[in-house]
């Protein structure tokens, strides 16, 4: 189990998991993309462990239709545990049991797919008047122990007390797929954001720093989202709330996360993330390294 950090100002995390995962079809036809296995555990468990390592006490899943397996995964499984006891597989029993004790888990439903900002609003009544970590299900990281991306973002929030956007540099030809920031560096890897551009056209991105799907959202941002009927895209988007913040001259910070971003949102990057994390897994790392070395292409 990840070691819990000292008491943090950010105690809760929202994980929106109501999306369809169409870029990973047909694998996601009958199971959530967040439950697809990366090496030996579902992608969503990596995010939960990352949050817990950062001191998060409560995980709020925003779910939709067909997401019951996520609830089942983080719940007790009496039948499985009993079977493992009977077969004397105590090492596996420990692995299974610890999943349900990682944090307090809460589930809310997003009745209609009205945007990522709307998903966050669906959980706002549980968050209350406090900052919250928001992490989307296709943004894993390879990072040094005890320095999770979530922890890094929380530390930036605790310094500035304003909303924080997790950032990563990306190849220029790829930035058109993401939200891109323009801003001024005010500390090592810390940017005061002046502009937030969602999916800029080729050649129009002011920087190659893109949002990676990890945020610290403040009560002020939540209030903007609650009062938003729809944004530029016709949905309620977090990026639109950030535009409102900037139009009011309210501070918005970005932080270039230390570690390697493993975007699992499409087939190639999902396979890449699996290979990267397999090369660090104690059970298979040597075999997978030898296999890749001897692979004839």
C-alpha atoms as a PDB file:
ATOM      1  CA  UNK A   1       0.000   0.000   0.000  1.00  0.00           C
ATOM      2  CA  UNK A   2       1.365   3.466  -0.844  1.00  0.00           C
ATOM      3  CA  UNK A   3       2.640   5.337   2.200  1.00  0.00           C
ATOM      4  CA  UNK A   4       0.275   8.163   3.129  1.00  0.00           C
ATOM      5  CA  UNK A   5       1.736  11.641   3.284  1.00  0.00           C
ATOM      6  CA  UNK A   6       1.347  14.273   5.980  1.00  0.00           C
ATOM      7  CA  UNK A   7      -1.999  16.024   6.394  1.00  0.00           C
ATOM      8  CA  UNK A   8      -2.753  18.044   3.272  1.00  0.00           C
ATOM      9  CA  UNK A   9      -4.995  21.005   2.525  1.00  0.00           C
ATOM     10  CA  UNK A  10      -6.339  18.886  -0.343  1.00  0.00           C
ATOM     11  CA  UNK A  11      -8.129  15.876   1.137  1.00  0.00           C
ATOM     12  CA  UNK A  12     -10.416  14.711  -1.676  1.00  0.00           C
ATOM     13  CA  UNK A  13      -9.998  13.712  -5.315  1.00  0.00           C
ATOM     14  CA  UNK A  14     -12.526  13.571  -8.149  1.00  0.00           C
ATOM     15  CA  UNK A  15     -11.930  10.914 -10.807  1.00  0.00           C
ATOM     16  CA  UNK A  16     -14.359  11.384 -13.733  1.00  0.00           C
ATOM     17  CA  UNK A  17     -14.839   7.926 -15.292  1.00  0.00           C
ATOM     18  CA  UNK A  18     -18.113   8.278 -17.200  1.00  0.00           C
ATOM     19  CA  UNK A  19     -16.606   8.426 -20.714  1.00  0.00           C
ATOM     20  CA  UNK A  20     -17.048   5.754 -23.377  1.00  0.00           C
ATOM     21  CA  UNK A  21     -13.386   5.178 -24.310  1.00  0.00           C
ATOM     22  CA  UNK A  22     -14.156   5.069 -28.040  1.00  0.00           C
ATOM     23  CA  UNK A  23     -10.477   5.317 -29.052  1.00  0.00           C
ATOM     24  CA  UNK A  24      -9.876   1.939 -27.424  1.00  0.00           C
ATOM     25  CA  UNK A  25     -12.767   0.068 -29.030  1.00  0.00           C
ATOM     26  CA  UNK A  26     -13.539  -2.800 -29.302  1.00  0.00           C
ATOM     27  CA  UNK A  27     -11.813  -3.501 -25.950  1.00  0.00           C
ATOM     28  CA  UNK A  28     -14.062  -0.942 -24.257  1.00  0.00           C
ATOM     29  CA  UNK A  29     -17.346  -2.211 -25.715  1.00  0.00           C
ATOM     30  CA  UNK A  30     -18.253  -4.154 -22.554  1.00  0.00           C
ATOM     31  CA  UNK A  31     -15.814  -2.808 -19.960  1.00  0.00           C
ATOM     32  CA  UNK A  32     -14.700   0.674 -18.889  1.00  0.00           C
ATOM     33  CA  UNK A  33     -11.447   1.905 -20.386  1.00  0.00           C
ATOM     34  CA  UNK A  34     -10.311   2.670 -16.835  1.00  0.00           C
ATOM     35  CA  UNK A  35     -10.529  -1.037 -16.006  1.00  0.00           C
ATOM     36  CA  UNK A  36      -8.255  -2.176 -18.831  1.00  0.00           C
ATOM     37  CA  UNK A  37      -5.221  -3.853 -17.294  1.00  0.00           C
ATOM     38  CA  UNK A  38      -1.817  -2.164 -17.468  1.00  0.00           C
ATOM     39  CA  UNK A  39       0.556  -5.033 -16.602  1.00  0.00           C
ATOM     40  CA  UNK A  40      -1.320  -6.549 -13.632  1.00  0.00           C
ATOM     41  CA  UNK A  41      -3.824  -3.951 -12.414  1.00  0.00           C
ATOM     42  CA  UNK A  42      -6.432  -1.692 -13.978  1.00  0.00           C
ATOM     43  CA  UNK A  43      -5.351   1.780 -15.088  1.00  0.00           C
ATOM     44  CA  UNK A  44      -7.656   3.417 -12.554  1.00  0.00           C
ATOM     45  CA  UNK A  45      -5.882   1.741  -9.639  1.00  0.00           C
ATOM     46  CA  UNK A  46      -2.625   3.473 -10.558  1.00  0.00           C
ATOM     47  CA  UNK A  47      -4.415   6.821 -10.208  1.00  0.00           C
ATOM     48  CA  UNK A  48      -5.979   5.905  -6.885  1.00  0.00           C
ATOM     49  CA  UNK A  49      -2.592   4.828  -5.519  1.00  0.00           C
ATOM     50  CA  UNK A  50      -1.041   8.057  -6.798  1.00  0.00           C
ATOM     51  CA  UNK A  51      -3.701  10.115  -5.009  1.00  0.00           C
ATOM     52  CA  UNK A  52      -3.346   8.170  -1.754  1.00  0.00           C
ATOM     53  CA  UNK A  53       0.427   8.603  -1.824  1.00  0.00           C
ATOM     54  CA  UNK A  54      -0.207  12.368  -1.991  1.00  0.00           C
ATOM     55  CA  UNK A  55      -2.339  12.305   1.165  1.00  0.00           C
ATOM     56  CA  UNK A  56      -5.811  12.067  -0.387  1.00  0.00           C
ATOM     57  CA  UNK A  57      -8.344  10.510   2.001  1.00  0.00           C
ATOM     58  CA  UNK A  58     -11.481  10.256  -0.154  1.00  0.00           C
ATOM     59  CA  UNK A  59     -11.814   9.272  -3.801  1.00  0.00           C
ATOM     60  CA  UNK A  60     -14.990  10.412  -5.573  1.00  0.00           C
ATOM     61  CA  UNK A  61     -15.712   8.521  -8.779  1.00  0.00           C
ATOM     62  CA  UNK A  62     -18.069  10.202 -11.244  1.00  0.00           C
ATOM     63  CA  UNK A  63     -19.522   7.262 -13.145  1.00  0.00           C
ATOM     64  CA  UNK A  64     -21.980   6.563 -15.946  1.00  0.00           C
ATOM     65  CA  UNK A  65     -23.682   3.556 -17.472  1.00  0.00           C
ATOM     66  CA  UNK A  66     -21.675   0.335 -17.561  1.00  0.00           C
ATOM     67  CA  UNK A  67     -19.169   1.362 -14.895  1.00  0.00           C
ATOM     68  CA  UNK A  68     -20.180  -1.066 -12.132  1.00  0.00           C
ATOM     69  CA  UNK A  69     -16.917  -2.992 -12.434  1.00  0.00           C
ATOM     70  CA  UNK A  70     -15.059   0.032 -11.041  1.00  0.00           C
ATOM     71  CA  UNK A  71     -17.213  -0.081  -7.904  1.00  0.00           C
ATOM     72  CA  UNK A  72     -16.728  -3.833  -7.647  1.00  0.00           C
ATOM     73  CA  UNK A  73     -12.950  -3.515  -7.975  1.00  0.00           C
ATOM     74  CA  UNK A  74     -12.635  -1.140  -5.021  1.00  0.00           C
ATOM     75  CA  UNK A  75     -15.101  -3.085  -2.877  1.00  0.00           C
ATOM     76  CA  UNK A  76     -14.537  -6.191  -0.741  1.00  0.00           C
ATOM     77  CA  UNK A  77     -14.784  -9.508  -2.608  1.00  0.00           C
ATOM     78  CA  UNK A  78     -15.720 -12.103   0.014  1.00  0.00           C
ATOM     79  CA  UNK A  79     -15.922 -15.014  -2.421  1.00  0.00           C
ATOM     80  CA  UNK A  80     -12.518 -14.309  -3.981  1.00  0.00           C
ATOM     81  CA  UNK A  81     -10.858 -13.735  -0.603  1.00  0.00           C
ATOM     82  CA  UNK A  82     -12.345 -16.964   0.761  1.00  0.00           C
ATOM     83  CA  UNK A  83     -11.076 -18.853  -2.295  1.00  0.00           C
ATOM     84  CA  UNK A  84      -7.559 -17.472  -1.861  1.00  0.00           C
ATOM     85  CA  UNK A  85      -7.550 -18.471   1.813  1.00  0.00           C
ATOM     86  CA  UNK A  86      -8.687 -21.980   0.919  1.00  0.00           C
ATOM     87  CA  UNK A  87      -5.881 -22.292  -1.653  1.00  0.00           C
ATOM     88  CA  UNK A  88      -3.304 -20.840   0.758  1.00  0.00           C
ATOM     89  CA  UNK A  89      -2.477 -17.979  -1.628  1.00  0.00           C
ATOM     90  CA  UNK A  90      -1.861 -15.452   1.134  1.00  0.00           C
ATOM     91  CA  UNK A  91       0.365 -13.133  -0.920  1.00  0.00           C
ATOM     92  CA  UNK A  92      -2.469 -12.660  -3.437  1.00  0.00           C
ATOM     93  CA  UNK A  93      -4.975 -12.294  -0.604  1.00  0.00           C
ATOM     94  CA  UNK A  94      -3.012  -9.366   0.774  1.00  0.00           C
ATOM     95  CA  UNK A  95      -2.881  -7.709  -2.663  1.00  0.00           C
ATOM     96  CA  UNK A  96      -6.646  -8.074  -3.097  1.00  0.00           C
ATOM     97  CA  UNK A  97      -7.586  -6.936   0.404  1.00  0.00           C
ATOM     98  CA  UNK A  98      -5.537  -3.755   0.347  1.00  0.00           C
ATOM     99  CA  UNK A  99      -7.438  -2.394  -2.684  1.00  0.00           C
ATOM    100  CA  UNK A 100     -10.639  -1.700  -0.727  1.00  0.00           C
ATOM    101  CA  UNK A 101      -8.711  -0.040   2.118  1.00  0.00           C
ATOM    102  CA  UNK A 102      -6.703   2.447   0.032  1.00  0.00           C
ATOM    103  CA  UNK A 103      -9.135   5.294   0.765  1.00  0.00           C
ATOM    104  CA  UNK A 104     -12.774   6.113   1.375  1.00  0.00           C
ATOM    105  CA  UNK A 105     -14.612   5.590  -1.922  1.00  0.00           C
ATOM    106  CA  UNK A 106     -17.697   7.534  -2.965  1.00  0.00           C
ATOM    107  CA  UNK A 107     -19.649   7.204  -6.203  1.00  0.00           C
ATOM    108  CA  UNK A 108     -21.872   9.723  -7.968  1.00  0.00           C
ATOM    109  CA  UNK A 109     -23.567   9.431 -11.342  1.00  0.00           C
ATOM    110  CA  UNK A 110     -23.242  11.766 -14.318  1.00  0.00           C
ATOM    111  CA  UNK A 111     -26.661  11.202 -15.917  1.00  0.00           C
ATOM    112  CA  UNK A 112     -25.741  12.745 -19.288  1.00  0.00           C
ATOM    113  CA  UNK A 113     -22.318  13.207 -20.971  1.00  0.00           C
ATOM    114  CA  UNK A 114     -22.339  17.008 -20.828  1.00  0.00           C
ATOM    115  CA  UNK A 115     -18.594  17.580 -20.543  1.00  0.00           C
ATOM    116  CA  UNK A 116     -15.708  17.124 -18.114  1.00  0.00           C
ATOM    117  CA  UNK A 117     -16.701  20.254 -16.202  1.00  0.00           C
ATOM    118  CA  UNK A 118     -20.203  18.903 -15.752  1.00  0.00           C
ATOM    119  CA  UNK A 119     -18.753  15.651 -14.374  1.00  0.00           C
ATOM    120  CA  UNK A 120     -16.853  17.658 -11.766  1.00  0.00           C
ATOM    121  CA  UNK A 121     -20.013  19.590 -10.842  1.00  0.00           C
ATOM    122  CA  UNK A 122     -21.803  16.280 -10.232  1.00  0.00           C
ATOM    123  CA  UNK A 123     -19.359  15.658  -7.364  1.00  0.00           C
ATOM    124  CA  UNK A 124     -19.174  19.223  -6.034  1.00  0.00           C
ATOM    125  CA  UNK A 125     -21.716  18.671  -3.242  1.00  0.00           C
ATOM    126  CA  UNK A 126     -19.378  16.075  -1.744  1.00  0.00           C
ATOM    127  CA  UNK A 127     -16.311  18.292  -2.069  1.00  0.00           C
ATOM    128  CA  UNK A 128     -17.886  21.254  -0.295  1.00  0.00           C
ATOM    129  CA  UNK A 129     -15.988  24.519   0.104  1.00  0.00           C
ATOM    130  CA  UNK A 130     -12.461  23.184  -0.259  1.00  0.00           C
ATOM    131  CA  UNK A 131      -9.890  22.553  -3.001  1.00  0.00           C
ATOM    132  CA  UNK A 132      -9.986  19.196  -4.734  1.00  0.00           C
ATOM    133  CA  UNK A 133      -7.612  17.108  -6.832  1.00  0.00           C
ATOM    134  CA  UNK A 134      -9.078  16.161 -10.222  1.00  0.00           C
ATOM    135  CA  UNK A 135      -7.518  13.338 -12.242  1.00  0.00           C
ATOM    136  CA  UNK A 136      -8.758  11.894 -15.507  1.00  0.00           C
ATOM    137  CA  UNK A 137      -8.502   8.171 -16.114  1.00  0.00           C
ATOM    138  CA  UNK A 138      -6.123   8.116 -19.094  1.00  0.00           C
ATOM    139  CA  UNK A 139      -3.246  10.047 -17.498  1.00  0.00           C
ATOM    140  CA  UNK A 140      -0.743   7.729 -15.826  1.00  0.00           C
ATOM    141  CA  UNK A 141       2.817   8.656 -14.880  1.00  0.00           C
ATOM    142  CA  UNK A 142       6.119   6.945 -14.347  1.00  0.00           C
ATOM    143  CA  UNK A 143       7.519   8.862 -11.368  1.00  0.00           C
ATOM    144  CA  UNK A 144       9.984   8.581  -8.515  1.00  0.00           C
ATOM    145  CA  UNK A 145       8.671   7.020  -5.308  1.00  0.00           C
ATOM    146  CA  UNK A 146       7.104   9.485  -2.836  1.00  0.00           C
ATOM    147  CA  UNK A 147       6.979  12.221  -5.476  1.00  0.00           C
ATOM    148  CA  UNK A 148       3.740  11.494  -7.298  1.00  0.00           C
ATOM    149  CA  UNK A 149       2.320  14.018  -9.781  1.00  0.00           C
ATOM    150  CA  UNK A 150      -0.629  14.554  -7.424  1.00  0.00           C
ATOM    151  CA  UNK A 151       1.750  15.397  -4.576  1.00  0.00           C
ATOM    152  CA  UNK A 152       3.657  17.841  -6.782  1.00  0.00           C
ATOM    153  CA  UNK A 153       0.466  19.680  -7.762  1.00  0.00           C
ATOM    154  CA  UNK A 154      -0.734  19.847  -4.155  1.00  0.00           C
ATOM    155  CA  UNK A 155       2.587  21.389  -3.110  1.00  0.00           C
ATOM    156  CA  UNK A 156       2.188  24.099  -5.766  1.00  0.00           C
ATOM    157  CA  UNK A 157      -1.378  24.757  -4.573  1.00  0.00           C
ATOM    158  CA  UNK A 158      -0.243  25.033  -0.962  1.00  0.00           C
ATOM    159  CA  UNK A 159       2.288  27.676  -2.025  1.00  0.00           C
ATOM    160  CA  UNK A 160      -0.039  29.843  -4.153  1.00  0.00           C
ATOM    161  CA  UNK A 161      -3.558  28.908  -2.904  1.00  0.00           C
ATOM    162  CA  UNK A 162      -4.960  29.064  -6.450  1.00  0.00           C
ATOM    163  CA  UNK A 163      -5.995  26.552  -9.117  1.00  0.00           C
ATOM    164  CA  UNK A 164      -3.177  24.497 -10.668  1.00  0.00           C
ATOM    165  CA  UNK A 165      -2.998  22.746 -14.048  1.00  0.00           C
ATOM    166  CA  UNK A 166      -0.636  19.787 -14.466  1.00  0.00           C
ATOM    167  CA  UNK A 167       1.544  20.255 -17.567  1.00  0.00           C
ATOM    168  CA  UNK A 168       3.924  18.275 -19.742  1.00  0.00           C
ATOM    169  CA  UNK A 169       5.993  19.328 -22.776  1.00  0.00           C
ATOM    170  CA  UNK A 170       4.972  17.539 -25.961  1.00  0.00           C
ATOM    171  CA  UNK A 171       6.217  17.293 -29.525  1.00  0.00           C
ATOM    172  CA  UNK A 172       4.912  20.302 -31.450  1.00  0.00           C
ATOM    173  CA  UNK A 173       2.988  18.192 -33.981  1.00  0.00           C
ATOM    174  CA  UNK A 174       1.072  16.552 -31.111  1.00  0.00           C
ATOM    175  CA  UNK A 175      -0.069  19.662 -29.214  1.00  0.00           C
ATOM    176  CA  UNK A 176      -3.088  20.132 -31.497  1.00  0.00           C
ATOM    177  CA  UNK A 177      -4.814  17.279 -29.633  1.00  0.00           C
ATOM    178  CA  UNK A 178      -4.614  18.935 -26.208  1.00  0.00           C
ATOM    179  CA  UNK A 179      -5.193  22.079 -24.190  1.00  0.00           C
ATOM    180  CA  UNK A 180      -2.109  24.318 -24.438  1.00  0.00           C
ATOM    181  CA  UNK A 181      -1.063  27.113 -22.100  1.00  0.00           C
ATOM    182  CA  UNK A 182       0.680  30.421 -22.609  1.00  0.00           C
ATOM    183  CA  UNK A 183       2.218  31.991 -19.556  1.00  0.00           C
ATOM    184  CA  UNK A 184       5.179  33.292 -17.603  1.00  0.00           C
ATOM    185  CA  UNK A 185       7.502  31.059 -15.614  1.00  0.00           C
ATOM    186  CA  UNK A 186       7.440  32.318 -12.013  1.00  0.00           C
ATOM    187  CA  UNK A 187       9.387  29.466 -10.418  1.00  0.00           C
ATOM    188  CA  UNK A 188      11.138  26.282 -11.432  1.00  0.00           C
ATOM    189  CA  UNK A 189       8.563  24.532 -13.612  1.00  0.00           C
ATOM    190  CA  UNK A 190       5.781  26.816 -12.309  1.00  0.00           C
ATOM    191  CA  UNK A 191       3.893  29.066 -14.730  1.00  0.00           C
ATOM    192  CA  UNK A 192       1.390  31.832 -14.207  1.00  0.00           C
ATOM    193  CA  UNK A 193      -1.015  31.079 -17.029  1.00  0.00           C
ATOM    194  CA  UNK A 194      -2.106  33.987 -19.222  1.00  0.00           C
ATOM    195  CA  UNK A 195      -4.008  32.012 -21.840  1.00  0.00           C
ATOM    196  CA  UNK A 196      -5.510  28.534 -22.122  1.00  0.00           C
ATOM    197  CA  UNK A 197      -6.057  27.302 -25.695  1.00  0.00           C
ATOM    198  CA  UNK A 198      -8.035  24.115 -26.298  1.00  0.00           C
ATOM    199  CA  UNK A 199      -6.730  22.092 -29.291  1.00  0.00           C
ATOM    200  CA  UNK A 200      -4.985  24.907 -31.217  1.00  0.00           C
ATOM    201  CA  UNK A 201      -4.535  24.683 -34.966  1.00  0.00           C
ATOM    202  CA  UNK A 202      -1.175  23.500 -36.288  1.00  0.00           C
ATOM    203  CA  UNK A 203       1.379  26.298 -35.919  1.00  0.00           C
ATOM    204  CA  UNK A 204      -0.795  28.426 -33.617  1.00  0.00           C
ATOM    205  CA  UNK A 205       0.192  26.960 -30.234  1.00  0.00           C
ATOM    206  CA  UNK A 206       2.115  29.547 -28.154  1.00  0.00           C
ATOM    207  CA  UNK A 207       4.027  26.812 -26.268  1.00  0.00           C
ATOM    208  CA  UNK A 208       4.310  23.035 -26.306  1.00  0.00           C
ATOM    209  CA  UNK A 209       3.127  22.743 -22.671  1.00  0.00           C
ATOM    210  CA  UNK A 210      -0.123  20.797 -22.595  1.00  0.00           C
ATOM    211  CA  UNK A 211      -2.600  19.922 -19.853  1.00  0.00           C
ATOM    212  CA  UNK A 212      -2.228  16.269 -18.876  1.00  0.00           C
ATOM    213  CA  UNK A 213      -5.565  15.716 -17.114  1.00  0.00           C
ATOM    214  CA  UNK A 214      -4.443  16.446 -13.542  1.00  0.00           C
ATOM    215  CA  UNK A 215      -5.613  19.573 -11.702  1.00  0.00           C
ATOM    216  CA  UNK A 216      -6.126  21.218  -8.353  1.00  0.00           C
ATOM    217  CA  UNK A 217      -9.550  22.847  -8.620  1.00  0.00           C
ATOM    218  CA  UNK A 218     -10.546  25.562  -6.150  1.00  0.00           C
ATOM    219  CA  UNK A 219     -14.039  26.424  -4.817  1.00  0.00           C
ATOM    220  CA  UNK A 220     -13.960  29.465  -7.122  1.00  0.00           C
ATOM    221  CA  UNK A 221     -13.576  27.258 -10.202  1.00  0.00           C
ATOM    222  CA  UNK A 222     -16.320  24.924  -8.939  1.00  0.00           C
ATOM    223  CA  UNK A 223     -18.665  27.887  -8.547  1.00  0.00           C
ATOM    224  CA  UNK A 224     -17.989  29.002 -12.133  1.00  0.00           C
ATOM    225  CA  UNK A 225     -18.740  25.491 -13.397  1.00  0.00           C
ATOM    226  CA  UNK A 226     -21.986  25.327 -11.398  1.00  0.00           C
ATOM    227  CA  UNK A 227     -23.250  28.535 -13.010  1.00  0.00           C
ATOM    228  CA  UNK A 228     -22.124  27.662 -16.539  1.00  0.00           C
ATOM    229  CA  UNK A 229     -24.907  26.693 -18.959  1.00  0.00           C
ATOM    230  CA  UNK A 230     -22.503  25.694 -21.706  1.00  0.00           C
ATOM    231  CA  UNK A 231     -19.099  26.644 -23.019  1.00  0.00           C
ATOM    232  CA  UNK A 232     -17.584  27.153 -26.467  1.00  0.00           C
ATOM    233  CA  UNK A 233     -18.003  23.509 -27.455  1.00  0.00           C
ATOM    234  CA  UNK A 234     -21.627  23.296 -26.324  1.00  0.00           C
ATOM    235  CA  UNK A 235     -20.559  21.296 -23.268  1.00  0.00           C
ATOM    236  CA  UNK A 236     -19.513  22.371 -19.778  1.00  0.00           C
ATOM    237  CA  UNK A 237     -15.741  22.154 -19.922  1.00  0.00           C
ATOM    238  CA  UNK A 238     -13.088  22.779 -17.296  1.00  0.00           C
ATOM    239  CA  UNK A 239     -11.102  24.719 -19.908  1.00  0.00           C
ATOM    240  CA  UNK A 240     -14.009  27.160 -20.257  1.00  0.00           C
ATOM    241  CA  UNK A 241     -14.019  27.753 -16.502  1.00  0.00           C
ATOM    242  CA  UNK A 242     -10.314  28.555 -16.699  1.00  0.00           C
ATOM    243  CA  UNK A 243     -11.078  31.090 -19.465  1.00  0.00           C
ATOM    244  CA  UNK A 244     -13.575  32.767 -17.151  1.00  0.00           C
ATOM    245  CA  UNK A 245     -10.978  32.858 -14.367  1.00  0.00           C
ATOM    246  CA  UNK A 246      -8.450  34.519 -16.659  1.00  0.00           C
ATOM    247  CA  UNK A 247     -11.033  37.013 -17.970  1.00  0.00           C
ATOM    248  CA  UNK A 248     -11.565  38.110 -14.353  1.00  0.00           C
ATOM    249  CA  UNK A 249      -7.802  38.498 -13.872  1.00  0.00           C
ATOM    250  CA  UNK A 250      -7.848  35.689 -11.333  1.00  0.00           C
ATOM    251  CA  UNK A 251      -4.582  33.720 -10.917  1.00  0.00           C
ATOM    252  CA  UNK A 252      -4.227  30.348 -12.604  1.00  0.00           C
ATOM    253  CA  UNK A 253      -1.021  28.358 -12.313  1.00  0.00           C
ATOM    254  CA  UNK A 254       0.521  25.552 -14.314  1.00  0.00           C
ATOM    255  CA  UNK A 255       3.171  23.116 -13.172  1.00  0.00           C
ATOM    256  CA  UNK A 256       5.463  21.033 -15.377  1.00  0.00           C
ATOM    257  CA  UNK A 257       5.163  17.669 -13.638  1.00  0.00           C
ATOM    258  CA  UNK A 258       8.348  15.747 -12.945  1.00  0.00           C
ATOM    259  CA  UNK A 259       8.147  12.232 -14.367  1.00  0.00           C
ATOM    260  CA  UNK A 260       7.215  10.609 -17.644  1.00  0.00           C
ATOM    261  CA  UNK A 261       3.630  11.110 -18.817  1.00  0.00           C
ATOM    262  CA  UNK A 262       1.977   7.893 -19.969  1.00  0.00           C
ATOM    263  CA  UNK A 263      -1.180   8.860 -21.840  1.00  0.00           C
ATOM    264  CA  UNK A 264      -3.340   5.713 -22.108  1.00  0.00           C
ATOM    265  CA  UNK A 265      -6.125   7.312 -24.140  1.00  0.00           C
ATOM    266  CA  UNK A 266      -5.372   5.573 -27.452  1.00  0.00           C
ATOM    267  CA  UNK A 267      -4.078   2.167 -28.546  1.00  0.00           C
ATOM    268  CA  UNK A 268      -0.440   3.101 -29.212  1.00  0.00           C
ATOM    269  CA  UNK A 269       0.037   5.032 -25.989  1.00  0.00           C
ATOM    270  CA  UNK A 270      -1.773   2.361 -23.973  1.00  0.00           C
ATOM    271  CA  UNK A 271       0.687  -0.244 -25.261  1.00  0.00           C
ATOM    272  CA  UNK A 272       3.603   2.124 -24.613  1.00  0.00           C
ATOM    273  CA  UNK A 273       2.471   2.645 -20.994  1.00  0.00           C
ATOM    274  CA  UNK A 274       2.186  -1.106 -20.514  1.00  0.00           C
ATOM    275  CA  UNK A 275       5.743  -1.675 -21.753  1.00  0.00           C
ATOM    276  CA  UNK A 276       7.199   1.158 -19.635  1.00  0.00           C
ATOM    277  CA  UNK A 277       5.541  -0.079 -16.449  1.00  0.00           C
ATOM    278  CA  UNK A 278       6.281  -3.729 -17.234  1.00  0.00           C
ATOM    279  CA  UNK A 279       9.982  -2.832 -17.368  1.00  0.00           C
ATOM    280  CA  UNK A 280       9.668  -1.693 -13.737  1.00  0.00           C
ATOM    281  CA  UNK A 281       7.561  -4.563 -12.446  1.00  0.00           C
ATOM    282  CA  UNK A 282       9.621  -6.894 -10.213  1.00  0.00           C
ATOM    283  CA  UNK A 283       7.976 -10.080 -11.515  1.00  0.00           C
ATOM    284  CA  UNK A 284       8.345  -9.495 -15.240  1.00  0.00           C
ATOM    285  CA  UNK A 285      10.911  -6.720 -15.822  1.00  0.00           C
ATOM    286  CA  UNK A 286      13.859  -9.014 -16.587  1.00  0.00           C
ATOM    287  CA  UNK A 287      11.871 -11.258 -18.920  1.00  0.00           C
ATOM    288  CA  UNK A 288      10.271  -8.376 -20.804  1.00  0.00           C
ATOM    289  CA  UNK A 289      13.657  -6.622 -21.170  1.00  0.00           C
ATOM    290  CA  UNK A 290      15.272  -9.776 -22.573  1.00  0.00           C
ATOM    291  CA  UNK A 291      12.332 -10.330 -24.888  1.00  0.00           C
ATOM    292  CA  UNK A 292      12.495  -6.785 -26.281  1.00  0.00           C
ATOM    293  CA  UNK A 293      16.268  -7.032 -26.773  1.00  0.00           C
ATOM    294  CA  UNK A 294      15.901 -10.217 -28.816  1.00  0.00           C
ATOM    295  CA  UNK A 295      12.789  -9.177 -30.712  1.00  0.00           C
ATOM    296  CA  UNK A 296      13.329  -9.364 -34.459  1.00  0.00           C
ATOM    297  CA  UNK A 297      11.571  -6.524 -36.249  1.00  0.00           C
END
